[in-house]
Amino acid sequence: MAPQPGWAGERFGAWLARPLASFHLVVTIATLLTVLGLVMVLSASSVEAYAGGGSAYSLFIQQAMFAGLGAVAFYIALRLPLRVLRQWSFPAFSISVIALVLVLIPGIGAVHGGARRWFDIGPISIQPSEVVKVTLVVWGAHLLASRRGAHLKDILVPLVPAGLLVCLLVVLEPNLSTTIALGIVLMALLWFGGLPVRLFVGIMVSGLVVASVLALSAGYRSDRVRAFFNPGDDPQGANYQARQAKYSLADGGILGRGLGQSRAKWSYLPNSHNDFIFAIIGEELGFLGCMAVLALLAMFVYTGIRIALRSVDPFLRLLTATATTWITAQALINIGYVVGLLPVTGLQLPLVSAGGSSLAITLFMFGIIASAARHEPEAVSALKAGQDGRLSRLLRLPVPEVYTPAPRKPAPRARTERPRQAPRRQPDAPRRRRAPESRGTSSLRSTRAWEPTYPMPHARERGRSK
């Protein structure tokens, strides 16, 4: 019997209705993007690695090592109790800021490509600016979740000064692309944290002005901006990389030339394994391969929003929404400058581009998002009922506890002398007027999406293994 027209959609909708569907989606998306990245890094870097006198697999082996490290970080994030994550959020952020200061000191930080932004530990290079993205997301979400209903000053301080300090340290490396990513993280925290729209727009416009000034201040950055607005000028200089990326995409057509059959990777497209790996995907896998990457990103956006809306913990709501915005925006910026819609910034394609620190840190962030998916109320109920599935049993993940909002202490009332027998209230007595709220408090209270929608029994989270 032939299936009905809407049979596949109904089956997929029924699967999405399962309690742990969000968790399985995050794990699947992270796995597919990481595997795709490893395959494309091997294909795109083999020629340059061999031409440099080494093995054709040298960059791939390094990327695979960091992928294994990222898988361990993903698993640690799944087992990490939210209570511990929040307690260590500020110390981790402070350590990452100290690392940003140390990397600027000659003799400690390593210089590659004219920028001092790495710690070289043997054959491994670690970029602290990648670590600070995650620590800023976690600490900022913890800070704003702890100050729900606070005044506007309590929302901005100390989050905005700390975010600006981090951006300044990254600019000094120099690294404008990571500064843009940190600015996206900061703006997402303020937006989802309930900042008033007018003030948010003012801060965003100020950030765009500062980013434009920085983009035009340095020689190589201003060359990229001028090349974007004048695509026909200097085809063998500033516009060479962008033009070659477009040729590579056009050469792929609909179905692509085949895996490993790229022409641009033969020293025609610089950084083909890193910043411009999406062009190699388009050349070897064609338009369909590019659409598959975009479909995975779209599914990630859907899953991140789904987790944020279903979570009752304000910390998880802020964390998931901000992380989803950051990863998606970084991916869209990378794809945007590869296809010629944006100036070249150097932001990597998350989980796909070559870069060990970025891969491991992003996988750790995906692990935190997957942990948030397991803390959805329906998922917690299913896990407590023993419906944990094969993956959870295989990984021996602890059963998360139900979130309960902290009891709010009532405001102290002023002492007033009252008679022993209070008089009856008159029906026409005027009601006491409430004090006007500040703009920040009113905005936060109007954001009902960050507040629990139903009462839940008190239960404190512990990291228990099943």
Protein backbone atom coordinates (compact mmCIF):
# COMPACT_ATOMS: atom_id res chain seq x y z
CA MET A 1 0.00 0.00 0.00
CA ALA A 2 1.43 3.38 -1.02
CA PRO A 3 2.04 5.90 1.79
CA GLN A 4 -0.33 8.83 2.06
CA PRO A 5 0.88 12.31 0.96
CA GLY A 6 1.42 13.63 4.48
CA TRP A 7 2.73 10.41 5.96
CA ALA A 8 6.40 11.45 6.20
CA GLY A 9 5.52 14.82 7.72
CA GLU A 10 3.28 13.20 10.30
CA ARG A 11 5.99 10.72 11.25
CA PHE A 12 8.55 13.51 11.64
CA GLY A 13 6.08 15.61 13.64
CA ALA A 14 5.38 12.66 15.92
CA TRP A 15 9.13 12.19 16.43
CA LEU A 16 9.57 15.88 17.28
CA ALA A 17 6.86 15.51 19.91
CA ARG A 18 9.01 13.05 21.86
CA PRO A 19 10.48 14.39 25.12
CA LEU A 20 14.15 13.94 24.12
CA ALA A 21 13.83 15.05 20.49
CA SER A 22 15.73 18.30 21.11
CA PHE A 23 18.62 16.42 22.70
CA HIS A 24 18.92 14.00 19.80
CA LEU A 25 18.73 16.86 17.29
CA VAL A 26 21.63 18.71 18.93
CA VAL A 27 23.78 15.58 19.05
CA THR A 28 22.97 14.74 15.42
CA ILE A 29 23.68 18.24 14.12
CA ALA A 30 26.97 18.49 16.01
CA THR A 31 28.06 15.06 14.75
CA LEU A 32 27.16 15.72 11.11
CA LEU A 33 28.85 19.13 10.99
CA THR A 34 31.99 17.80 12.69
CA VAL A 35 32.27 14.81 10.35
CA LEU A 36 31.67 17.04 7.33
CA GLY A 37 34.35 19.42 8.60
CA LEU A 38 36.90 16.64 9.02
CA VAL A 39 36.26 15.32 5.52
CA MET A 40 36.48 18.75 3.92
CA VAL A 41 39.58 19.76 5.90
CA LEU A 42 41.30 16.60 4.66
CA SER A 43 40.30 17.36 1.10
CA ALA A 44 41.13 21.08 1.17
CA SER A 45 44.40 20.95 3.13
CA SER A 46 46.09 17.89 1.66
CA VAL A 47 47.64 19.69 -1.32
CA GLU A 48 49.07 22.64 0.63
CA ALA A 49 50.30 20.36 3.43
CA TYR A 50 52.10 18.11 0.97
CA ALA A 51 53.51 21.07 -0.98
CA GLY A 52 54.90 22.46 2.28
CA GLY A 53 57.14 19.43 2.62
CA GLY A 54 55.08 17.52 5.14
CA SER A 55 52.50 14.81 5.10
CA ALA A 56 49.26 15.36 3.22
CA TYR A 57 47.44 14.30 6.40
CA SER A 58 49.23 16.64 8.85
CA LEU A 59 46.48 19.28 9.17
CA PHE A 60 43.78 16.62 9.11
CA ILE A 61 45.43 14.70 11.96
CA GLN A 62 45.67 17.87 14.03
CA GLN A 63 42.01 18.66 13.33
CA ALA A 64 41.02 15.09 14.23
CA MET A 65 42.90 15.37 17.53
CA PHE A 66 40.99 18.51 18.45
CA ALA A 67 37.76 16.83 17.34
CA GLY A 68 38.48 14.04 19.82
CA LEU A 69 39.24 16.63 22.50
CA GLY A 70 36.00 18.40 21.62
CA ALA A 71 34.07 15.14 21.91
CA VAL A 72 35.44 14.73 25.44
CA ALA A 73 34.48 18.34 26.20
CA PHE A 74 31.00 17.67 24.80
CA TYR A 75 30.61 14.70 27.14
CA ILE A 76 31.90 16.68 30.14
CA ALA A 77 29.38 19.43 29.39
CA LEU A 78 26.60 16.83 29.35
CA ARG A 79 27.57 15.49 32.77
CA LEU A 80 28.33 18.88 34.34
CA PRO A 81 25.63 19.89 36.85
CA LEU A 82 24.10 23.29 36.17
CA ARG A 83 24.78 24.31 39.75
CA VAL A 84 28.52 23.74 39.24
CA LEU A 85 28.43 25.45 35.84
CA ARG A 86 26.93 28.56 37.36
CA GLN A 87 29.23 28.58 40.38
CA TRP A 88 32.34 28.40 38.21
CA SER A 89 31.13 30.77 35.50
CA PHE A 90 32.78 33.89 36.91
CA PRO A 91 36.10 32.22 37.85
CA ALA A 92 36.28 30.71 34.35
CA PHE A 93 35.54 34.09 32.78
CA SER A 94 38.20 35.76 34.94
CA ILE A 95 40.80 33.15 33.94
CA SER A 96 39.98 33.65 30.26
CA VAL A 97 40.42 37.42 30.62
CA ILE A 98 43.79 36.89 32.31
CA ALA A 99 44.75 34.62 29.41
CA LEU A 100 43.84 37.40 26.97
CA VAL A 101 46.22 39.71 28.84
CA LEU A 102 49.04 37.16 28.95
CA VAL A 103 48.82 36.36 25.25
CA LEU A 104 49.69 40.00 24.46
CA ILE A 105 53.00 39.80 26.34
CA PRO A 106 56.00 39.13 24.06
CA GLY A 107 57.63 35.83 24.88
CA ILE A 108 54.37 34.33 26.16
CA GLY A 109 51.98 34.78 23.27
CA ALA A 110 52.98 33.41 19.87
CA VAL A 111 52.78 35.47 16.68
CA HIS A 112 51.31 33.89 13.55
CA GLY A 113 50.36 35.90 10.49
CA GLY A 114 51.19 39.21 12.18
CA ALA A 115 48.84 38.68 15.14
CA ARG A 116 49.73 37.70 18.69
CA ARG A 117 46.79 35.57 19.72
CA TRP A 118 48.04 32.01 20.41
CA PHE A 119 49.67 29.99 23.17
CA ASP A 120 52.00 27.42 21.61
CA ILE A 121 52.17 24.34 23.82
CA GLY A 122 54.32 21.89 21.92
CA PRO A 123 52.60 21.02 18.63
CA ILE A 124 49.28 22.43 19.89
CA SER A 125 48.20 26.07 19.59
CA ILE A 126 45.47 27.40 21.86
CA GLN A 127 43.60 30.63 21.13
CA PRO A 128 42.22 32.20 24.34
CA SER A 129 39.90 34.48 22.38
CA GLU A 130 37.92 31.37 21.39
CA VAL A 131 37.62 30.31 25.04
CA VAL A 132 36.36 33.71 26.16
CA LYS A 133 33.33 33.41 23.86
CA VAL A 134 31.98 30.51 25.89
CA THR A 135 32.90 31.95 29.30
CA LEU A 136 31.21 35.26 28.42
CA VAL A 137 28.04 33.43 27.34
CA VAL A 138 27.86 31.31 30.50
CA TRP A 139 28.78 34.06 32.97
CA GLY A 140 26.54 36.64 31.27
CA ALA A 141 23.57 34.27 31.32
CA HIS A 142 24.20 33.47 35.00
CA LEU A 143 24.49 37.16 35.87
CA LEU A 144 21.32 38.24 34.08
CA ALA A 145 19.33 35.25 35.33
CA SER A 146 20.31 36.12 38.89
CA ARG A 147 19.18 39.72 38.45
CA ARG A 148 15.74 39.23 36.95
CA GLY A 149 13.49 42.15 37.75
CA ALA A 150 16.45 44.36 38.68
CA HIS A 151 17.00 47.97 37.71
CA LEU A 152 18.56 48.96 34.42
CA LYS A 153 21.91 49.73 36.02
CA ASP A 154 22.11 46.22 37.45
CA ILE A 155 21.60 44.80 33.94
CA LEU A 156 24.35 46.86 32.33
CA VAL A 157 26.91 46.69 35.14
CA PRO A 158 29.22 44.76 35.28
CA LEU A 159 28.27 42.88 32.08
CA VAL A 160 28.82 45.71 29.59
CA PRO A 161 32.15 46.95 31.05
CA ALA A 162 33.46 43.37 31.18
CA GLY A 163 32.34 42.73 27.59
CA LEU A 164 33.98 45.94 26.37
CA LEU A 165 37.21 45.04 28.19
CA VAL A 166 37.30 41.66 26.48
CA CYS A 167 36.65 43.25 23.08
CA LEU A 168 39.47 45.75 23.67
CA LEU A 169 41.94 42.99 24.56
CA VAL A 170 41.02 41.04 21.43
CA VAL A 171 41.36 44.15 19.25
CA LEU A 172 44.91 44.63 20.55
CA GLU A 173 45.96 41.19 19.22
CA PRO A 174 44.66 42.30 16.57
CA ASN A 175 41.62 40.15 15.80
CA LEU A 176 38.63 42.08 14.50
CA SER A 177 36.69 38.98 13.44
CA THR A 178 36.61 37.54 16.97
CA THR A 179 35.77 41.01 18.29
CA ILE A 180 32.69 40.98 16.07
CA ALA A 181 31.71 37.56 17.45
CA LEU A 182 32.13 38.83 21.03
CA GLY A 183 30.02 41.87 20.19
CA ILE A 184 27.29 39.55 18.90
CA VAL A 185 27.44 37.58 22.17
CA LEU A 186 27.16 40.75 24.25
CA MET A 187 24.26 42.14 22.24
CA ALA A 188 22.41 38.81 22.36
CA LEU A 189 22.77 38.70 26.16
CA LEU A 190 21.40 42.22 26.50
CA TRP A 191 18.52 41.54 24.09
CA PHE A 192 17.36 38.31 25.67
CA GLY A 193 18.08 39.73 29.12
CA GLY A 194 15.33 42.32 28.64
CA LEU A 195 17.20 45.53 27.78
CA PRO A 196 14.81 48.30 26.62
CA VAL A 197 14.61 48.50 22.85
CA ARG A 198 15.70 52.14 22.57
CA LEU A 199 18.80 51.61 24.65
CA PHE A 200 19.56 48.38 22.83
CA VAL A 201 19.37 50.12 19.45
CA GLY A 202 21.62 52.90 20.74
CA ILE A 203 24.25 50.43 21.94
CA MET A 204 24.02 48.47 18.69
CA VAL A 205 24.48 51.58 16.55
CA SER A 206 27.45 52.64 18.67
CA GLY A 207 28.98 49.19 18.24
CA LEU A 208 28.53 49.34 14.47
CA VAL A 209 30.22 52.75 14.37
CA VAL A 210 33.17 51.49 16.41
CA ALA A 211 33.44 48.36 14.23
CA SER A 212 33.44 50.53 11.10
CA VAL A 213 36.20 52.74 12.50
CA LEU A 214 38.27 49.68 13.42
CA ALA A 215 37.67 48.16 9.98
CA LEU A 216 39.04 51.28 8.30
CA SER A 217 41.88 51.93 10.76
CA ALA A 218 44.30 49.12 9.81
CA GLY A 219 45.74 48.67 6.35
CA TYR A 220 44.71 45.07 5.71
CA ARG A 221 41.20 45.63 7.11
CA SER A 222 40.60 48.78 5.08
CA ASP A 223 41.85 46.95 1.97
CA ARG A 224 39.19 44.29 2.53
CA VAL A 225 36.44 46.89 2.88
CA ARG A 226 37.54 48.76 -0.25
CA ALA A 227 37.79 45.48 -2.14
CA PHE A 228 34.21 44.63 -1.17
CA PHE A 229 32.83 47.92 -2.47
CA ASN A 230 35.03 47.78 -5.58
CA PRO A 231 34.96 44.12 -6.65
CA GLY A 232 36.46 44.86 -10.08
CA ASP A 233 39.59 46.59 -8.77
CA ASP A 234 42.91 44.82 -8.13
CA PRO A 235 41.84 41.27 -9.15
CA GLN A 236 45.33 39.92 -8.37
CA GLY A 237 45.62 41.71 -5.02
CA ALA A 238 42.97 42.59 -2.45
CA ASN A 239 40.15 41.06 -4.51
CA TYR A 240 41.99 37.87 -5.42
CA GLN A 241 40.71 35.65 -2.61
CA ALA A 242 37.07 36.75 -2.91
CA ARG A 243 37.11 36.30 -6.70
CA GLN A 244 38.66 32.84 -6.47
CA ALA A 245 36.00 31.79 -3.95
CA LYS A 246 33.25 32.78 -6.39
CA TYR A 247 34.97 30.91 -9.22
CA SER A 248 35.20 27.84 -7.00
CA LEU A 249 31.48 28.00 -6.17
CA ALA A 250 30.58 28.47 -9.83
CA ASP A 251 32.79 25.55 -10.86
CA GLY A 252 30.82 23.20 -8.61
CA GLY A 253 27.47 23.65 -10.31
CA ILE A 254 24.49 21.76 -8.95
CA LEU A 255 26.07 18.40 -8.11
CA GLY A 256 29.72 19.41 -7.70
CA ARG A 257 32.91 18.06 -9.22
CA GLY A 258 33.11 15.23 -6.71
CA LEU A 259 34.69 14.80 -3.31
CA GLY A 260 38.44 15.52 -3.48
CA GLN A 261 38.24 16.90 -7.04
CA SER A 262 38.55 20.61 -6.25
CA ARG A 263 40.76 22.72 -8.48
CA ALA A 264 40.89 25.76 -6.24
CA LYS A 265 42.72 23.92 -3.45
CA TRP A 266 45.77 23.58 -5.73
CA SER A 267 47.08 26.92 -4.41
CA TYR A 268 44.48 28.94 -6.29
CA LEU A 269 42.37 29.79 -3.20
CA PRO A 270 44.33 30.84 -0.09
CA ASN A 271 43.03 29.52 3.26
CA SER A 272 40.76 27.11 1.44
CA HIS A 273 40.77 24.76 4.46
CA ASN A 274 39.93 27.51 6.94
CA ASP A 275 38.08 30.75 6.17
CA PHE A 276 36.95 29.70 2.67
CA ILE A 277 36.13 26.06 3.22
CA PHE A 278 32.51 26.74 2.22
CA ALA A 279 33.79 27.51 -1.30
CA ILE A 280 35.44 24.07 -1.44
CA ILE A 281 32.19 22.50 -0.26
CA GLY A 282 30.39 24.24 -3.11
CA GLU A 283 32.99 23.14 -5.65
CA GLU A 284 33.20 19.49 -4.63
CA LEU A 285 29.64 18.86 -3.40
CA GLY A 286 27.89 21.48 -5.50
CA PHE A 287 24.83 23.54 -4.76
CA LEU A 288 23.21 20.58 -3.03
CA GLY A 289 26.12 20.28 -0.61
CA CYS A 290 25.87 23.98 0.25
CA MET A 291 22.13 23.64 0.80
CA ALA A 292 22.76 20.65 3.09
CA VAL A 293 25.02 22.83 5.27
CA LEU A 294 22.40 25.59 5.34
CA ALA A 295 19.72 23.02 6.21
CA LEU A 296 21.78 21.81 9.19
CA LEU A 297 22.21 25.40 10.35
CA ALA A 298 18.49 26.04 9.98
CA MET A 299 17.74 22.91 11.99
CA PHE A 300 20.17 24.11 14.65
CA VAL A 301 18.36 27.47 14.86
CA TYR A 302 15.03 25.69 15.22
CA THR A 303 16.39 23.38 17.90
CA GLY A 304 18.03 26.19 19.86
CA ILE A 305 14.84 28.27 19.86
CA ARG A 306 12.81 25.19 20.78
CA ILE A 307 15.04 24.46 23.78
CA ALA A 308 14.97 28.09 24.92
CA LEU A 309 11.19 28.26 24.75
CA ARG A 310 10.68 24.94 26.53
CA SER A 311 13.15 25.58 29.35
CA VAL A 312 11.74 26.92 32.60
CA ASP A 313 15.14 27.84 34.04
CA PRO A 314 15.92 31.50 33.13
CA PHE A 315 19.63 30.68 33.07
CA LEU A 316 19.13 27.97 30.44
CA ARG A 317 16.83 30.21 28.42
CA LEU A 318 19.41 33.00 28.24
CA LEU A 319 22.29 30.59 27.69
CA THR A 320 20.65 28.63 24.87
CA ALA A 321 19.26 31.66 23.06
CA THR A 322 22.58 33.53 23.22
CA ALA A 323 24.68 30.55 22.14
CA THR A 324 22.33 29.83 19.24
CA THR A 325 22.54 33.45 18.10
CA TRP A 326 26.33 33.53 18.33
CA ILE A 327 26.99 30.27 16.45
CA THR A 328 24.38 30.99 13.77
CA ALA A 329 25.53 34.59 13.22
CA GLN A 330 29.15 33.48 12.92
CA ALA A 331 28.20 30.84 10.35
CA LEU A 332 26.12 33.29 8.33
CA ILE A 333 28.92 35.87 8.33
CA ASN A 334 31.38 33.26 7.07
CA ILE A 335 29.04 32.09 4.32
CA GLY A 336 28.16 35.72 3.53
CA TYR A 337 31.70 36.80 2.71
CA VAL A 338 32.43 33.57 0.81
CA VAL A 339 29.51 34.20 -1.56
CA GLY A 340 30.31 37.93 -1.78
CA LEU A 341 27.50 39.41 0.30
CA LEU A 342 29.79 40.71 3.08
CA PRO A 343 33.38 41.94 3.37
CA VAL A 344 35.94 39.30 4.27
CA THR A 345 36.25 39.19 8.06
CA GLY A 346 38.03 35.92 8.79
CA LEU A 347 35.34 34.35 10.95
CA GLN A 348 35.37 30.57 10.70
CA LEU A 349 32.49 28.28 9.81
CA PRO A 350 31.68 26.61 13.17
CA LEU A 351 32.62 22.91 13.40
CA VAL A 352 33.60 22.85 9.71
CA SER A 353 36.58 25.17 9.19
CA ALA A 354 40.07 24.09 10.24
CA GLY A 355 41.01 25.41 13.67
CA GLY A 356 41.54 23.25 16.70
CA SER A 357 40.63 25.71 19.45
CA SER A 358 37.46 26.81 17.67
CA LEU A 359 36.36 23.22 17.05
CA ALA A 360 36.89 22.02 20.63
CA ILE A 361 35.30 25.09 22.22
CA THR A 362 32.30 25.02 19.90
CA LEU A 363 31.73 21.34 20.65
CA PHE A 364 31.80 22.17 24.36
CA MET A 365 29.14 24.81 23.73
CA PHE A 366 27.05 22.28 21.83
CA GLY A 367 27.37 19.98 24.83
CA ILE A 368 25.97 22.68 27.10
CA ILE A 369 23.06 23.19 24.70
CA ALA A 370 22.44 19.43 24.65
CA SER A 371 22.45 19.45 28.46
CA ALA A 372 19.87 22.23 28.38
CA ALA A 373 17.74 20.04 26.10
CA ARG A 374 17.82 17.27 28.73
CA HIS A 375 16.57 19.80 31.32
CA GLU A 376 13.30 20.46 29.50
CA PRO A 377 10.39 19.60 31.85
CA GLU A 378 9.09 16.83 29.58
CA ALA A 379 12.59 15.43 29.14
CA VAL A 380 13.17 15.39 32.91
CA SER A 381 9.89 13.57 33.47
CA ALA A 382 10.74 11.01 30.79
CA LEU A 383 14.23 10.43 32.19
CA LYS A 384 12.92 10.00 35.72
CA ALA A 385 10.40 7.48 34.38
CA GLY A 386 13.22 5.45 32.83
CA GLN A 387 12.59 6.53 29.22
CA ASP A 388 16.19 7.62 28.72
CA GLY A 389 16.81 5.91 25.39
CA ARG A 390 19.85 4.05 24.12
CA LEU A 391 22.12 7.09 23.83
CA SER A 392 21.65 8.23 27.42
CA ARG A 393 22.12 4.68 28.69
CA LEU A 394 25.24 4.28 26.59
CA LEU A 395 26.76 7.52 27.86
CA ARG A 396 25.55 6.86 31.44
CA LEU A 397 24.34 10.41 31.81
CA PRO A 398 22.94 11.59 35.15
CA VAL A 399 19.22 12.27 35.43
CA PRO A 400 18.67 16.04 35.64
CA GLU A 401 16.59 17.48 38.43
CA VAL A 402 13.48 19.60 38.01
CA TYR A 403 14.10 23.33 38.13
CA THR A 404 12.48 25.26 40.92
CA PRO A 405 12.58 29.05 41.17
CA ALA A 406 14.32 30.45 44.20
CA PRO A 407 11.82 31.88 46.70
CA ARG A 408 11.77 35.63 46.64
CA LYS A 409 12.00 37.37 49.97
CA PRO A 410 9.12 39.76 50.60
CA ALA A 411 10.05 43.41 50.83
CA PRO A 412 10.26 44.68 54.43
CA ARG A 413 7.29 46.77 55.45
CA ALA A 414 7.63 49.92 57.42
CA ARG A 415 6.42 49.75 60.99
CA THR A 416 3.22 51.64 61.55
CA GLU A 417 1.14 51.93 64.67
CA ARG A 418 -2.10 50.07 64.16
CA PRO A 419 -5.01 49.81 66.56
CA ARG A 420 -5.65 46.43 68.03
CA GLN A 421 -8.94 46.18 66.19
CA ALA A 422 -8.61 47.27 62.61
CA PRO A 423 -11.64 49.09 61.20
CA ARG A 424 -13.55 47.57 58.36
CA ARG A 425 -12.58 48.64 54.90
CA GLN A 426 -15.09 50.93 53.25
CA PRO A 427 -16.30 49.79 49.84
CA ASP A 428 -15.50 53.15 48.25
CA ALA A 429 -12.04 53.46 49.81
CA PRO A 430 -9.41 54.45 47.24
CA ARG A 431 -6.89 51.78 46.37
CA ARG A 432 -3.22 52.28 47.09
CA ARG A 433 -1.27 53.17 43.97
CA ARG A 434 1.81 51.19 43.03
CA ALA A 435 5.14 52.89 42.63
CA PRO A 436 6.17 53.42 39.01
CA GLU A 437 8.65 50.90 37.63
CA SER A 438 11.90 51.72 35.91
CA ARG A 439 12.29 51.06 32.20
CA GLY A 440 14.62 48.16 32.79
CA THR A 441 12.38 46.54 35.39
CA SER A 442 9.29 47.00 33.26
CA SER A 443 11.04 45.46 30.26
CA LEU A 444 12.20 42.47 32.24
CA ARG A 445 8.79 41.85 33.77
CA SER A 446 7.15 42.08 30.38
CA THR A 447 9.46 39.34 29.11
CA ARG A 448 7.35 36.52 30.43
CA ALA A 449 9.20 34.00 28.29
CA TRP A 450 12.00 33.97 30.86
CA GLU A 451 9.73 33.19 33.81
CA PRO A 452 8.46 29.77 34.89
CA THR A 453 4.96 29.14 33.60
CA TYR A 454 3.85 26.68 36.25
CA PRO A 455 4.83 25.84 39.85
CA MET A 456 7.30 23.03 40.36
CA PRO A 457 8.39 21.20 43.52
CA HIS A 458 11.64 22.22 45.07
CA ALA A 459 14.53 20.01 43.95
CA ARG A 460 18.16 20.88 43.92
CA GLU A 461 20.30 19.57 41.09
CA ARG A 462 23.01 17.03 41.90
CA GLY A 463 25.31 15.26 39.52
CA ARG A 464 24.07 11.72 40.02
CA SER A 465 24.97 8.92 37.68
CA LYS A 466 22.38 6.43 36.78
